[in-house]
Amino acid sequence: PDILLQFSKVVIRTQPTDVLVWSVAYFRALANGETPPVKERLETSITTQKTDTGLSMDLLKILHRQISIDYNKLSCA
């Protein structure tokens, strides 16, 4: 029951285009002890000043994590 609750929350947050393919990748990653393909939760605010880039530390951390995961996949192939 708890795994289905967590899955439901994650699938709503991630909103994959192909739920079946994404679900296979999600549960396979969990079974292999890997990080599942989950969209990070990010609260974004509307940029109101011309000098404000809209980049926050949280956004930079998420981007860094995503880029390093993609780079690691490429370098292992």
Protein backbone atom coordinates (compact mmCIF):
# COMPACT_ATOMS: atom_id res chain seq x y z
CA PRO A 1 0.00 0.00 0.00
CA ASP A 2 2.76 2.51 0.86
CA ILE A 3 4.63 1.82 -2.38
CA LEU A 4 1.47 2.52 -4.38
CA LEU A 5 0.88 5.77 -2.49
CA GLN A 6 4.44 6.92 -3.20
CA PHE A 7 4.11 5.82 -6.83
CA SER A 8 0.85 7.76 -7.22
CA LYS A 9 2.40 10.93 -5.82
CA VAL A 10 5.47 10.63 -8.02
CA VAL A 11 3.56 9.89 -11.23
CA ILE A 12 1.33 12.92 -10.64
CA ARG A 13 4.35 15.13 -10.01
CA THR A 14 6.36 13.79 -12.95
CA GLN A 15 3.49 13.49 -15.47
CA PRO A 16 5.29 11.22 -17.95
CA THR A 17 4.10 11.16 -21.55
CA ASP A 18 4.03 7.34 -21.62
CA VAL A 19 2.95 6.12 -18.18
CA LEU A 20 3.54 2.45 -18.96
CA VAL A 21 7.14 2.90 -20.10
CA TRP A 22 7.85 5.29 -17.23
CA SER A 23 6.31 2.86 -14.70
CA VAL A 24 8.56 0.05 -15.89
CA ALA A 25 11.62 2.30 -15.52
CA TYR A 26 10.43 3.48 -12.09
CA PHE A 27 9.87 0.02 -10.59
CA ARG A 28 12.97 -1.45 -12.27
CA ALA A 29 15.09 1.31 -10.71
CA LEU A 30 13.54 0.64 -7.29
CA ALA A 31 14.16 -3.11 -7.64
CA ASN A 32 17.81 -2.52 -8.60
CA GLY A 33 18.40 -0.04 -5.78
CA GLU A 34 18.86 2.84 -8.22
CA THR A 35 17.34 6.30 -8.19
CA PRO A 36 14.00 6.20 -10.01
CA PRO A 37 13.23 8.70 -12.80
CA VAL A 38 11.40 11.20 -10.61
CA LYS A 39 10.82 14.85 -11.35
CA GLU A 40 12.14 17.01 -8.55
CA ARG A 41 9.63 19.18 -6.75
CA LEU A 42 10.41 22.80 -7.44
CA GLU A 43 8.57 25.87 -6.32
CA THR A 44 9.09 28.57 -8.92
CA SER A 45 8.25 32.20 -8.60
CA ILE A 46 7.47 34.61 -11.37
CA THR A 47 10.40 36.85 -12.20
CA THR A 48 9.40 40.43 -11.63
CA GLN A 49 12.66 42.33 -11.94
CA LYS A 50 14.64 42.72 -15.13
CA THR A 51 17.89 41.83 -13.35
CA ASP A 52 16.43 38.74 -11.65
CA THR A 53 17.32 35.63 -13.67
CA GLY A 54 14.85 33.42 -11.85
CA LEU A 55 17.66 31.03 -10.87
CA SER A 56 17.58 29.92 -7.28
CA MET A 57 19.92 27.63 -5.38
CA ASP A 58 17.26 24.91 -5.44
CA LEU A 59 16.89 25.15 -9.21
CA LEU A 60 20.66 25.06 -9.70
CA LYS A 61 20.95 21.97 -7.47
CA ILE A 62 18.26 20.16 -9.45
CA LEU A 63 19.82 21.11 -12.79
CA HIS A 64 23.25 19.98 -11.58
CA ARG A 65 21.85 16.62 -10.44
CA GLN A 66 20.04 16.07 -13.74
CA ILE A 67 23.04 17.01 -15.85
CA SER A 68 25.43 14.81 -13.87
CA ILE A 69 23.03 11.85 -14.10
CA ASP A 70 22.76 12.30 -17.89
CA TYR A 71 26.55 12.71 -18.19
CA ASN A 72 27.17 9.54 -16.16
CA LYS A 73 24.81 7.60 -18.44
CA LEU A 74 26.69 8.85 -21.51
CA SER A 75 30.15 8.11 -20.13
CA CYS A 76 29.15 4.57 -19.10
CA ALA A 77 27.78 3.71 -22.54
